[in-house]
Amino acid sequence: MEWTSLIRPQQLQQLIINHETQQPLKGTRREIDFQPVVALHIPDTYCLWLLSEVDNEGMAFGLCQIQVAEIGSVWLPEVADLDLNGVRVTEDETFRAQRTLSEYAALAKRNGGLLLL
């Protein structure tokens, strides 16, 4: 599956804009703590990706939860290929960010490392 098919066009465009905006600010005190733009998940599991940025090649940044939630980078072509007995990664189209990435990470930490939406 092509990684771009995981994300609706409007959200993909915003992820790319966020990435381009963040690049000159990375590593400075002006770095932006974005709200996630999209939530990807594997239904009926705790696997979750709250993404705030992506480059044109598919390297995304956000809160990634496989076993424990942590902020970092994820390679979306790899995520798009995940298949758990026929269950694949999908976008949660009902997701609307209420917090920044760091706030979601803090919430997960208070919850034993898991983010439950």
PDB file of N, CA and C in Angstrom:
ATOM      1  N   MET A   1       0.848  -1.177   0.000  1.00  0.00           N
ATOM      2  CA  MET A   1       0.000   0.000   0.000  1.00  0.00           C
ATOM      3  C   MET A   1       0.898   1.245   0.000  1.00  0.00           C
ATOM      4  N   GLU A   2       0.551   2.222  -0.782  1.00  0.00           N
ATOM      5  CA  GLU A   2       1.291   3.485  -0.824  1.00  0.00           C
ATOM      6  C   GLU A   2       0.994   4.270   0.457  1.00  0.00           C
ATOM      7  N   TRP A   3       2.041   4.797   1.093  1.00  0.00           N
ATOM      8  CA  TRP A   3       1.850   5.458   2.392  1.00  0.00           C
ATOM      9  C   TRP A   3       0.932   6.666   2.299  1.00  0.00           C
ATOM     10  N   THR A   4       0.925   7.355   1.161  1.00  0.00           N
ATOM     11  CA  THR A   4       0.080   8.543   1.033  1.00  0.00           C
ATOM     12  C   THR A   4      -1.405   8.193   1.060  1.00  0.00           C
ATOM     13  N   SER A   5      -1.744   6.937   0.781  1.00  0.00           N
ATOM     14  CA  SER A   5      -3.153   6.545   0.802  1.00  0.00           C
ATOM     15  C   SER A   5      -3.686   6.375   2.230  1.00  0.00           C
ATOM     16  N   LEU A   6      -2.796   6.413   3.225  1.00  0.00           N
ATOM     17  CA  LEU A   6      -3.224   6.311   4.625  1.00  0.00           C
ATOM     18  C   LEU A   6      -3.885   7.592   5.128  1.00  0.00           C
ATOM     19  N   ILE A   7      -3.595   8.712   4.463  1.00  0.00           N
ATOM     20  CA  ILE A   7      -3.955  10.030   4.995  1.00  0.00           C
ATOM     21  C   ILE A   7      -4.746  10.805   3.947  1.00  0.00           C
ATOM     22  N   ARG A   8      -5.824  11.429   4.363  1.00  0.00           N
ATOM     23  CA  ARG A   8      -6.625  12.246   3.449  1.00  0.00           C
ATOM     24  C   ARG A   8      -5.787  13.419   2.934  1.00  0.00           C
ATOM     25  N   PRO A   9      -6.046  13.870   1.700  1.00  0.00           N
ATOM     26  CA  PRO A   9      -5.213  14.905   1.072  1.00  0.00           C
ATOM     27  C   PRO A   9      -5.059  16.185   1.891  1.00  0.00           C
ATOM     28  N   GLN A  10      -6.126  16.677   2.490  1.00  0.00           N
ATOM     29  CA  GLN A  10      -6.043  17.920   3.262  1.00  0.00           C
ATOM     30  C   GLN A  10      -5.126  17.751   4.474  1.00  0.00           C
ATOM     31  N   GLN A  11      -5.217  16.622   5.150  1.00  0.00           N
ATOM     32  CA  GLN A  11      -4.364  16.369   6.307  1.00  0.00           C
ATOM     33  C   GLN A  11      -2.913  16.175   5.868  1.00  0.00           C
ATOM     34  N   LEU A  12      -2.715  15.493   4.752  1.00  0.00           N
ATOM     35  CA  LEU A  12      -1.363  15.299   4.231  1.00  0.00           C
ATOM     36  C   LEU A  12      -0.715  16.640   3.905  1.00  0.00           C
ATOM     37  N   GLN A  13      -1.469  17.524   3.285  1.00  0.00           N
ATOM     38  CA  GLN A  13      -0.946  18.853   2.964  1.00  0.00           C
ATOM     39  C   GLN A  13      -0.539  19.596   4.239  1.00  0.00           C
ATOM     40  N   GLN A  14      -1.355  19.524   5.293  1.00  0.00           N
ATOM     41  CA  GLN A  14      -1.022  20.210   6.546  1.00  0.00           C
ATOM     42  C   GLN A  14       0.204  19.597   7.209  1.00  0.00           C
ATOM     43  N   LEU A  15       0.337  18.277   7.151  1.00  0.00           N
ATOM     44  CA  LEU A  15       1.525  17.619   7.704  1.00  0.00           C
ATOM     45  C   LEU A  15       2.791  18.107   7.012  1.00  0.00           C
ATOM     46  N   ILE A  16       2.740  18.254   5.705  1.00  0.00           N
ATOM     47  CA  ILE A  16       3.902  18.730   4.940  1.00  0.00           C
ATOM     48  C   ILE A  16       4.195  20.188   5.274  1.00  0.00           C
ATOM     49  N   ILE A  17       3.160  21.011   5.375  1.00  0.00           N
ATOM     50  CA  ILE A  17       3.347  22.422   5.759  1.00  0.00           C
ATOM     51  C   ILE A  17       3.994  22.504   7.139  1.00  0.00           C
ATOM     52  N   ASN A  18       3.523  21.711   8.090  1.00  0.00           N
ATOM     53  CA  ASN A  18       4.115  21.713   9.431  1.00  0.00           C
ATOM     54  C   ASN A  18       5.585  21.322   9.379  1.00  0.00           C
ATOM     55  N   HIS A  19       5.908  20.307   8.585  1.00  0.00           N
ATOM     56  CA  HIS A  19       7.305  19.872   8.442  1.00  0.00           C
ATOM     57  C   HIS A  19       8.168  21.015   7.907  1.00  0.00           C
ATOM     58  N   GLU A  20       7.704  21.658   6.858  1.00  0.00           N
ATOM     59  CA  GLU A  20       8.474  22.752   6.255  1.00  0.00           C
ATOM     60  C   GLU A  20       8.614  23.932   7.211  1.00  0.00           C
ATOM     61  N   THR A  21       7.585  24.211   7.986  1.00  0.00           N
ATOM     62  CA  THR A  21       7.628  25.294   8.974  1.00  0.00           C
ATOM     63  C   THR A  21       8.619  24.969  10.088  1.00  0.00           C
ATOM     64  N   GLN A  22       8.668  23.724  10.501  1.00  0.00           N
ATOM     65  CA  GLN A  22       9.490  23.301  11.634  1.00  0.00           C
ATOM     66  C   GLN A  22      10.982  23.245  11.308  1.00  0.00           C
ATOM     67  N   GLN A  23      11.336  22.960  10.065  1.00  0.00           N
ATOM     68  CA  GLN A  23      12.735  22.701   9.727  1.00  0.00           C
ATOM     69  C   GLN A  23      13.706  23.784  10.194  1.00  0.00           C
ATOM     70  N   PRO A  24      13.469  25.066   9.927  1.00  0.00           N
ATOM     71  CA  PRO A  24      14.434  26.072  10.396  1.00  0.00           C
ATOM     72  C   PRO A  24      14.423  26.280  11.912  1.00  0.00           C
ATOM     73  N   LEU A  25      13.415  25.747  12.590  1.00  0.00           N
ATOM     74  CA  LEU A  25      13.272  25.942  14.035  1.00  0.00           C
ATOM     75  C   LEU A  25      13.785  24.766  14.855  1.00  0.00           C
ATOM     76  N   LYS A  26      14.018  23.621  14.210  1.00  0.00           N
ATOM     77  CA  LYS A  26      14.455  22.408  14.928  1.00  0.00           C
ATOM     78  C   LYS A  26      15.702  22.691  15.755  1.00  0.00           C
ATOM     79  N   GLY A  27      15.664  22.230  17.001  1.00  0.00           N
ATOM     80  CA  GLY A  27      16.815  22.388  17.882  1.00  0.00           C
ATOM     81  C   GLY A  27      16.943  23.760  18.512  1.00  0.00           C
ATOM     82  N   THR A  28      15.978  24.627  18.270  1.00  0.00           N
ATOM     83  CA  THR A  28      16.009  25.956  18.880  1.00  0.00           C
ATOM     84  C   THR A  28      14.870  26.056  19.893  1.00  0.00           C
ATOM     85  N   ARG A  29      14.890  27.096  20.670  1.00  0.00           N
ATOM     86  CA  ARG A  29      13.802  27.279  21.646  1.00  0.00           C
ATOM     87  C   ARG A  29      12.494  27.695  20.962  1.00  0.00           C
ATOM     88  N   ARG A  30      12.574  28.002  19.664  1.00  0.00           N
ATOM     89  CA  ARG A  30      11.377  28.380  18.907  1.00  0.00           C
ATOM     90  C   ARG A  30      10.705  27.178  18.233  1.00  0.00           C
ATOM     91  N   GLU A  31      11.254  25.978  18.466  1.00  0.00           N
ATOM     92  CA  GLU A  31      10.657  24.774  17.889  1.00  0.00           C
ATOM     93  C   GLU A  31       9.191  24.674  18.316  1.00  0.00           C
ATOM     94  N   ILE A  32       8.325  24.315  17.382  1.00  0.00           N
ATOM     95  CA  ILE A  32       6.880  24.314  17.617  1.00  0.00           C
ATOM     96  C   ILE A  32       6.415  22.952  18.139  1.00  0.00           C
ATOM     97  N   ASP A  33       5.611  22.980  19.181  1.00  0.00           N
ATOM     98  CA  ASP A  33       4.966  21.777  19.708  1.00  0.00           C
ATOM     99  C   ASP A  33       3.571  21.722  19.077  1.00  0.00           C
ATOM    100  N   PHE A  34       3.499  21.151  17.878  1.00  0.00           N
ATOM    101  CA  PHE A  34       2.245  21.117  17.128  1.00  0.00           C
ATOM    102  C   PHE A  34       1.210  20.203  17.777  1.00  0.00           C
ATOM    103  N   GLN A  35      -0.044  20.483  17.483  1.00  0.00           N
ATOM    104  CA  GLN A  35      -1.084  19.499  17.728  1.00  0.00           C
ATOM    105  C   GLN A  35      -0.997  18.466  16.610  1.00  0.00           C
ATOM    106  N   PRO A  36      -1.324  17.225  16.890  1.00  0.00           N
ATOM    107  CA  PRO A  36      -1.338  16.232  15.816  1.00  0.00           C
ATOM    108  C   PRO A  36      -2.389  16.595  14.766  1.00  0.00           C
ATOM    109  N   VAL A  37      -2.072  16.284  13.536  1.00  0.00           N
ATOM    110  CA  VAL A  37      -2.975  16.545  12.418  1.00  0.00           C
ATOM    111  C   VAL A  37      -3.817  15.310  12.110  1.00  0.00           C
ATOM    112  N   VAL A  38      -3.228  14.149  12.325  1.00  0.00           N
ATOM    113  CA  VAL A  38      -3.890  12.898  11.953  1.00  0.00           C
ATOM    114  C   VAL A  38      -3.583  11.816  12.990  1.00  0.00           C
ATOM    115  N   ALA A  39      -4.533  10.913  13.161  1.00  0.00           N
ATOM    116  CA  ALA A  39      -4.336   9.736  14.013  1.00  0.00           C
ATOM    117  C   ALA A  39      -4.480   8.498  13.136  1.00  0.00           C
ATOM    118  N   LEU A  40      -3.425   7.702  13.105  1.00  0.00           N
ATOM    119  CA  LEU A  40      -3.470   6.403  12.440  1.00  0.00           C
ATOM    120  C   LEU A  40      -3.509   5.340  13.528  1.00  0.00           C
ATOM    121  N   HIS A  41      -4.149   4.229  13.253  1.00  0.00           N
ATOM    122  CA  HIS A  41      -4.207   3.160  14.253  1.00  0.00           C
ATOM    123  C   HIS A  41      -4.473   1.828  13.568  1.00  0.00           C
ATOM    124  N   ILE A  42      -4.218   0.764  14.312  1.00  0.00           N
ATOM    125  CA  ILE A  42      -4.631  -0.569  13.895  1.00  0.00           C
ATOM    126  C   ILE A  42      -5.833  -0.906  14.768  1.00  0.00           C
ATOM    127  N   PRO A  43      -7.005  -1.062  14.165  1.00  0.00           N
ATOM    128  CA  PRO A  43      -8.214  -1.314  14.953  1.00  0.00           C
ATOM    129  C   PRO A  43      -8.049  -2.495  15.914  1.00  0.00           C
ATOM    130  N   ASP A  44      -8.648  -2.339  17.085  1.00  0.00           N
ATOM    131  CA  ASP A  44      -8.665  -3.370  18.130  1.00  0.00           C
ATOM    132  C   ASP A  44      -7.289  -3.668  18.711  1.00  0.00           C
ATOM    133  N   THR A  45      -6.365  -2.708  18.609  1.00  0.00           N
ATOM    134  CA  THR A  45      -5.044  -2.817  19.233  1.00  0.00           C
ATOM    135  C   THR A  45      -4.733  -1.484  19.905  1.00  0.00           C
ATOM    136  N   TYR A  46      -3.598  -1.434  20.610  1.00  0.00           N
ATOM    137  CA  TYR A  46      -3.122  -0.174  21.174  1.00  0.00           C
ATOM    138  C   TYR A  46      -2.189   0.553  20.218  1.00  0.00           C
ATOM    139  N   CYS A  47      -1.974   0.029  19.017  1.00  0.00           N
ATOM    140  CA  CYS A  47      -1.069   0.656  18.043  1.00  0.00           C
ATOM    141  C   CYS A  47      -1.688   1.950  17.536  1.00  0.00           C
ATOM    142  N   LEU A  48      -0.943   3.044  17.720  1.00  0.00           N
ATOM    143  CA  LEU A  48      -1.475   4.372  17.436  1.00  0.00           C
ATOM    144  C   LEU A  48      -0.341   5.292  17.021  1.00  0.00           C
ATOM    145  N   TRP A  49      -0.612   6.140  16.040  1.00  0.00           N
ATOM    146  CA  TRP A  49       0.352   7.143  15.602  1.00  0.00           C
ATOM    147  C   TRP A  49      -0.387   8.471  15.504  1.00  0.00           C
ATOM    148  N   LEU A  50      -0.032   9.436  16.352  1.00  0.00           N
ATOM    149  CA  LEU A  50      -0.555  10.800  16.261  1.00  0.00           C
ATOM    150  C   LEU A  50       0.520  11.624  15.575  1.00  0.00           C
ATOM    151  N   LEU A  51       0.272  12.031  14.353  1.00  0.00           N
ATOM    152  CA  LEU A  51       1.313  12.657  13.537  1.00  0.00           C
ATOM    153  C   LEU A  51       1.089  14.151  13.378  1.00  0.00           C
ATOM    154  N   SER A  52       2.192  14.899  13.478  1.00  0.00           N
ATOM    155  CA  SER A  52       2.116  16.351  13.323  1.00  0.00           C
ATOM    156  C   SER A  52       2.895  16.860  12.119  1.00  0.00           C
ATOM    157  N   GLU A  53       3.801  16.037  11.584  1.00  0.00           N
ATOM    158  CA  GLU A  53       4.636  16.475  10.459  1.00  0.00           C
ATOM    159  C   GLU A  53       4.976  15.281   9.587  1.00  0.00           C
ATOM    160  N   VAL A  54       5.232  15.542   8.306  1.00  0.00           N
ATOM    161  CA  VAL A  54       5.764  14.513   7.412  1.00  0.00           C
ATOM    162  C   VAL A  54       6.519  15.200   6.275  1.00  0.00           C
ATOM    163  N   ASP A  55       7.610  14.572   5.843  1.00  0.00           N
ATOM    164  CA  ASP A  55       8.311  15.097   4.673  1.00  0.00           C
ATOM    165  C   ASP A  55       7.773  14.401   3.421  1.00  0.00           C
ATOM    166  N   ASN A  56       8.264  14.812   2.270  1.00  0.00           N
ATOM    167  CA  ASN A  56       7.757  14.276   1.002  1.00  0.00           C
ATOM    168  C   ASN A  56       8.101  12.812   0.780  1.00  0.00           C
ATOM    169  N   GLU A  57       9.051  12.284   1.542  1.00  0.00           N
ATOM    170  CA  GLU A  57       9.471  10.890   1.381  1.00  0.00           C
ATOM    171  C   GLU A  57       8.719   9.936   2.308  1.00  0.00           C
ATOM    172  N   GLY A  58       7.990  10.488   3.289  1.00  0.00           N
ATOM    173  CA  GLY A  58       7.227   9.637   4.194  1.00  0.00           C
ATOM    174  C   GLY A  58       7.794   9.512   5.594  1.00  0.00           C
ATOM    175  N   MET A  59       8.827  10.293   5.918  1.00  0.00           N
ATOM    176  CA  MET A  59       9.338  10.295   7.292  1.00  0.00           C
ATOM    177  C   MET A  59       8.461  11.254   8.097  1.00  0.00           C
ATOM    178  N   ALA A  60       7.735  10.698   9.052  1.00  0.00           N
ATOM    179  CA  ALA A  60       6.787  11.482   9.841  1.00  0.00           C
ATOM    180  C   ALA A  60       7.302  11.664  11.261  1.00  0.00           C
ATOM    181  N   PHE A  61       6.730  12.645  11.943  1.00  0.00           N
ATOM    182  CA  PHE A  61       7.068  12.923  13.331  1.00  0.00           C
ATOM    183  C   PHE A  61       5.772  12.987  14.119  1.00  0.00           C
ATOM    184  N   GLY A  62       5.805  12.405  15.311  1.00  0.00           N
ATOM    185  CA  GLY A  62       4.630  12.459  16.158  1.00  0.00           C
ATOM    186  C   GLY A  62       4.772  11.566  17.366  1.00  0.00           C
ATOM    187  N   LEU A  63       3.650  11.286  17.978  1.00  0.00           N
ATOM    188  CA  LEU A  63       3.612  10.374  19.114  1.00  0.00           C
ATOM    189  C   LEU A  63       3.259   8.992  18.564  1.00  0.00           C
ATOM    190  N   CYS A  64       4.159   8.051  18.774  1.00  0.00           N
ATOM    191  CA  CYS A  64       4.010   6.702  18.224  1.00  0.00           C
ATOM    192  C   CYS A  64       3.862   5.718  19.374  1.00  0.00           C
ATOM    193  N   GLN A  65       2.841   4.884  19.287  1.00  0.00           N
ATOM    194  CA  GLN A  65       2.582   3.922  20.358  1.00  0.00           C
ATOM    195  C   GLN A  65       2.448   2.520  19.762  1.00  0.00           C
ATOM    196  N   ILE A  66       3.427   1.691  20.032  1.00  0.00           N
ATOM    197  CA  ILE A  66       3.337   0.272  19.698  1.00  0.00           C
ATOM    198  C   ILE A  66       3.143  -0.487  21.009  1.00  0.00           C
ATOM    199  N   GLN A  67       4.097  -0.336  21.926  1.00  0.00           N
ATOM    200  CA  GLN A  67       3.936  -0.881  23.278  1.00  0.00           C
ATOM    201  C   GLN A  67       3.768   0.251  24.281  1.00  0.00           C
ATOM    202  N   VAL A  68       4.586   1.283  24.129  1.00  0.00           N
ATOM    203  CA  VAL A  68       4.552   2.451  25.010  1.00  0.00           C
ATOM    204  C   VAL A  68       4.592   3.696  24.129  1.00  0.00           C
ATOM    205  N   ALA A  69       3.820   4.703  24.474  1.00  0.00           N
ATOM    206  CA  ALA A  69       3.780   5.934  23.689  1.00  0.00           C
ATOM    207  C   ALA A  69       5.072   6.723  23.860  1.00  0.00           C
ATOM    208  N   GLU A  70       5.626   7.186  22.734  1.00  0.00           N
ATOM    209  CA  GLU A  70       6.815   8.037  22.772  1.00  0.00           C
ATOM    210  C   GLU A  70       6.824   8.938  21.551  1.00  0.00           C
ATOM    211  N   ILE A  71       7.406  10.116  21.726  1.00  0.00           N
ATOM    212  CA  ILE A  71       7.522  11.066  20.629  1.00  0.00           C
ATOM    213  C   ILE A  71       8.762  10.723  19.819  1.00  0.00           C
ATOM    214  N   GLY A  72       8.598  10.717  18.499  1.00  0.00           N
ATOM    215  CA  GLY A  72       9.729  10.414  17.635  1.00  0.00           C
ATOM    216  C   GLY A  72       9.310  10.344  16.179  1.00  0.00           C
ATOM    217  N   SER A  73      10.214   9.812  15.372  1.00  0.00           N
ATOM    218  CA  SER A  73       9.986   9.705  13.934  1.00  0.00           C
ATOM    219  C   SER A  73       9.540   8.300  13.566  1.00  0.00           C
ATOM    220  N   VAL A  74       8.792   8.217  12.486  1.00  0.00           N
ATOM    221  CA  VAL A  74       8.310   6.932  11.981  1.00  0.00           C
ATOM    222  C   VAL A  74       8.309   6.984  10.456  1.00  0.00           C
ATOM    223  N   TRP A  75       8.682   5.878   9.850  1.00  0.00           N
ATOM    224  CA  TRP A  75       8.760   5.747   8.400  1.00  0.00           C
ATOM    225  C   TRP A  75       7.405   5.240   7.905  1.00  0.00           C
ATOM    226  N   LEU A  76       6.609   6.119   7.283  1.00  0.00           N
ATOM    227  CA  LEU A  76       5.252   5.753   6.900  1.00  0.00           C
ATOM    228  C   LEU A  76       5.157   4.646   5.847  1.00  0.00           C
ATOM    229  N   PRO A  77       6.117   4.509   4.917  1.00  0.00           N
ATOM    230  CA  PRO A  77       6.038   3.355   4.014  1.00  0.00           C
ATOM    231  C   PRO A  77       6.039   2.023   4.778  1.00  0.00           C
ATOM    232  N   GLU A  78       6.759   1.968   5.888  1.00  0.00           N
ATOM    233  CA  GLU A  78       6.771   0.758   6.715  1.00  0.00           C
ATOM    234  C   GLU A  78       5.433   0.572   7.439  1.00  0.00           C
ATOM    235  N   VAL A  79       4.895   1.665   7.963  1.00  0.00           N
ATOM    236  CA  VAL A  79       3.600   1.612   8.646  1.00  0.00           C
ATOM    237  C   VAL A  79       2.510   1.145   7.673  1.00  0.00           C
ATOM    238  N   ALA A  80       2.558   1.643   6.445  1.00  0.00           N
ATOM    239  CA  ALA A  80       1.544   1.278   5.447  1.00  0.00           C
ATOM    240  C   ALA A  80       1.572  -0.209   5.117  1.00  0.00           C
ATOM    241  N   ASP A  81       2.716  -0.848   5.310  1.00  0.00           N
ATOM    242  CA  ASP A  81       2.849  -2.278   5.008  1.00  0.00           C
ATOM    243  C   ASP A  81       2.464  -3.186   6.172  1.00  0.00           C
ATOM    244  N   LEU A  82       2.186  -2.620   7.347  1.00  0.00           N
ATOM    245  CA  LEU A  82       1.811  -3.452   8.497  1.00  0.00           C
ATOM    246  C   LEU A  82       0.499  -4.181   8.231  1.00  0.00           C
ATOM    247  N   ASP A  83       0.469  -5.434   8.606  1.00  0.00           N
ATOM    248  CA  ASP A  83      -0.721  -6.263   8.410  1.00  0.00           C
ATOM    249  C   ASP A  83      -0.765  -7.295   9.537  1.00  0.00           C
ATOM    250  N   LEU A  84      -1.772  -7.191  10.394  1.00  0.00           N
ATOM    251  CA  LEU A  84      -1.947  -8.142  11.495  1.00  0.00           C
ATOM    252  C   LEU A  84      -3.123  -9.051  11.161  1.00  0.00           C
ATOM    253  N   ASN A  85      -2.812 -10.156  10.512  1.00  0.00           N
ATOM    254  CA  ASN A  85      -3.856 -11.119  10.119  1.00  0.00           C
ATOM    255  C   ASN A  85      -4.987 -10.456   9.338  1.00  0.00           C
ATOM    256  N   GLY A  86      -4.612  -9.627   8.381  1.00  0.00           N
ATOM    257  CA  GLY A  86      -5.599  -8.965   7.534  1.00  0.00           C
ATOM    258  C   GLY A  86      -6.082  -7.627   8.044  1.00  0.00           C
ATOM    259  N   VAL A  87      -5.688  -7.234   9.249  1.00  0.00           N
ATOM    260  CA  VAL A  87      -6.072  -5.933   9.804  1.00  0.00           C
ATOM    261  C   VAL A  87      -4.930  -4.967   9.541  1.00  0.00           C
ATOM    262  N   ARG A  88      -5.240  -3.871   8.863  1.00  0.00           N
ATOM    263  CA  ARG A  88      -4.206  -2.926   8.443  1.00  0.00           C
ATOM    264  C   ARG A  88      -4.383  -1.577   9.141  1.00  0.00           C
ATOM    265  N   VAL A  89      -3.361  -0.772   9.020  1.00  0.00           N
ATOM    266  CA  VAL A  89      -3.382   0.581   9.575  1.00  0.00           C
ATOM    267  C   VAL A  89      -4.423   1.403   8.823  1.00  0.00           C
ATOM    268  N   THR A  90      -5.163   2.194   9.581  1.00  0.00           N
ATOM    269  CA  THR A  90      -6.178   3.051   8.992  1.00  0.00           C
ATOM    270  C   THR A  90      -6.179   4.403   9.704  1.00  0.00           C
ATOM    271  N   GLU A  91      -6.698   5.405   9.043  1.00  0.00           N
ATOM    272  CA  GLU A  91      -6.829   6.724   9.660  1.00  0.00           C
ATOM    273  C   GLU A  91      -8.106   6.763  10.491  1.00  0.00           C
ATOM    274  N   ASP A  92      -8.004   7.351  11.673  1.00  0.00           N
ATOM    275  CA  ASP A  92      -9.186   7.598  12.492  1.00  0.00           C
ATOM    276  C   ASP A  92      -9.748   8.944  12.051  1.00  0.00           C
ATOM    277  N   GLU A  93     -10.727   8.917  11.174  1.00  0.00           N
ATOM    278  CA  GLU A  93     -11.264  10.156  10.607  1.00  0.00           C
ATOM    279  C   GLU A  93     -12.077  10.959  11.613  1.00  0.00           C
ATOM    280  N   THR A  94     -12.383  10.382  12.770  1.00  0.00           N
ATOM    281  CA  THR A  94     -13.121  11.117  13.802  1.00  0.00           C
ATOM    282  C   THR A  94     -12.185  11.883  14.737  1.00  0.00           C
ATOM    283  N   PHE A  95     -10.873  11.633  14.634  1.00  0.00           N
ATOM    284  CA  PHE A  95      -9.917  12.262  15.549  1.00  0.00           C
ATOM    285  C   PHE A  95      -9.846  13.766  15.314  1.00  0.00           C
ATOM    286  N   ARG A  96      -9.934  14.524  16.390  1.00  0.00           N
ATOM    287  CA  ARG A  96      -9.730  15.978  16.390  1.00  0.00           C
ATOM    288  C   ARG A  96      -8.809  16.285  17.564  1.00  0.00           C
ATOM    289  N   ALA A  97      -7.652  16.829  17.279  1.00  0.00           N
ATOM    290  CA  ALA A  97      -6.665  17.093  18.330  1.00  0.00           C
ATOM    291  C   ALA A  97      -7.226  18.066  19.360  1.00  0.00           C
ATOM    292  N   GLN A  98      -6.977  17.734  20.610  1.00  0.00           N
ATOM    293  CA  GLN A  98      -7.374  18.580  21.737  1.00  0.00           C
ATOM    294  C   GLN A  98      -6.152  19.116  22.475  1.00  0.00           C
ATOM    295  N   ARG A  99      -4.965  18.552  22.146  1.00  0.00           N
ATOM    296  CA  ARG A  99      -3.734  18.875  22.867  1.00  0.00           C
ATOM    297  C   ARG A  99      -2.571  18.907  21.884  1.00  0.00           C
ATOM    298  N   THR A 100      -1.421  19.384  22.373  1.00  0.00           N
ATOM    299  CA  THR A 100      -0.191  19.303  21.592  1.00  0.00           C
ATOM    300  C   THR A 100       0.415  17.911  21.763  1.00  0.00           C
ATOM    301  N   LEU A 101       1.415  17.608  20.937  1.00  0.00           N
ATOM    302  CA  LEU A 101       2.080  16.306  21.053  1.00  0.00           C
ATOM    303  C   LEU A 101       2.643  16.077  22.447  1.00  0.00           C
ATOM    304  N   SER A 102       3.315  17.087  22.996  1.00  0.00           N
ATOM    305  CA  SER A 102       3.915  16.897  24.324  1.00  0.00           C
ATOM    306  C   SER A 102       2.842  16.709  25.393  1.00  0.00           C
ATOM    307  N   GLU A 103       1.699  17.335  25.229  1.00  0.00           N
ATOM    308  CA  GLU A 103       0.603  17.136  26.189  1.00  0.00           C
ATOM    309  C   GLU A 103       0.031  15.721  26.081  1.00  0.00           C
ATOM    310  N   TYR A 104      -0.089  15.206  24.857  1.00  0.00           N
ATOM    311  CA  TYR A 104      -0.525  13.810  24.699  1.00  0.00           C
ATOM    312  C   TYR A 104       0.503  12.853  25.301  1.00  0.00           C
ATOM    313  N   ALA A 105       1.791  13.152  25.115  1.00  0.00           N
ATOM    314  CA  ALA A 105       2.846  12.300  25.686  1.00  0.00           C
ATOM    315  C   ALA A 105       2.778  12.311  27.212  1.00  0.00           C
ATOM    316  N   ALA A 106       2.553  13.481  27.802  1.00  0.00           N
ATOM    317  CA  ALA A 106       2.435  13.578  29.262  1.00  0.00           C
ATOM    318  C   ALA A 106       1.209  12.807  29.757  1.00  0.00           C
ATOM    319  N   LEU A 107       0.126  12.878  29.014  1.00  0.00           N
ATOM    320  CA  LEU A 107      -1.080  12.134  29.369  1.00  0.00           C
ATOM    321  C   LEU A 107      -0.814  10.627  29.334  1.00  0.00           C
ATOM    322  N   ALA A 108      -0.104  10.175  28.320  1.00  0.00           N
ATOM    323  CA  ALA A 108       0.246   8.752  28.223  1.00  0.00           C
ATOM    324  C   ALA A 108       1.134   8.332  29.390  1.00  0.00           C
ATOM    325  N   LYS A 109       2.090   9.183  29.740  1.00  0.00           N
ATOM    326  CA  LYS A 109       2.993   8.863  30.855  1.00  0.00           C
ATOM    327  C   LYS A 109       2.212   8.701  32.156  1.00  0.00           C
ATOM    328  N   ARG A 110       1.255   9.582  32.387  1.00  0.00           N
ATOM    329  CA  ARG A 110       0.419   9.481  33.594  1.00  0.00           C
ATOM    330  C   ARG A 110      -0.455   8.224  33.565  1.00  0.00           C
ATOM    331  N   ASN A 111      -0.660   7.696  32.361  1.00  0.00           N
ATOM    332  CA  ASN A 111      -1.526   6.529  32.183  1.00  0.00           C
ATOM    333  C   ASN A 111      -0.713   5.246  32.015  1.00  0.00           C
ATOM    334  N   GLY A 112       0.485   5.212  32.573  1.00  0.00           N
ATOM    335  CA  GLY A 112       1.310   4.008  32.507  1.00  0.00           C
ATOM    336  C   GLY A 112       1.974   3.777  31.170  1.00  0.00           C
ATOM    337  N   GLY A 113       2.105   4.814  30.360  1.00  0.00           N
ATOM    338  CA  GLY A 113       2.775   4.697  29.069  1.00  0.00           C
ATOM    339  C   GLY A 113       1.843   4.479  27.900  1.00  0.00           C
ATOM    340  N   LEU A 114       0.548   4.339  28.164  1.00  0.00           N
ATOM    341  CA  LEU A 114      -0.411   4.123  27.083  1.00  0.00           C
ATOM    342  C   LEU A 114      -1.311   5.327  26.904  1.00  0.00           C
ATOM    343  N   LEU A 115      -1.527   5.680  25.654  1.00  0.00           N
ATOM    344  CA  LEU A 115      -2.469   6.736  25.327  1.00  0.00           C
ATOM    345  C   LEU A 115      -3.761   6.078  24.869  1.00  0.00           C
ATOM    346  N   LEU A 116      -4.826   6.375  25.549  1.00  0.00           N
ATOM    347  CA  LEU A 116      -6.137   5.833  25.197  1.00  0.00           C
ATOM    348  C   LEU A 116      -7.001   6.976  24.709  1.00  0.00           C
ATOM    349  N   LEU A 117      -7.402   6.914  23.463  1.00  0.00           N
ATOM    350  CA  LEU A 117      -8.237   7.990  22.908  1.00  0.00           C
ATOM    351  C   LEU A 117      -9.704   7.620  22.972  1.00  0.00           C
TER     352      LEU A 117
END
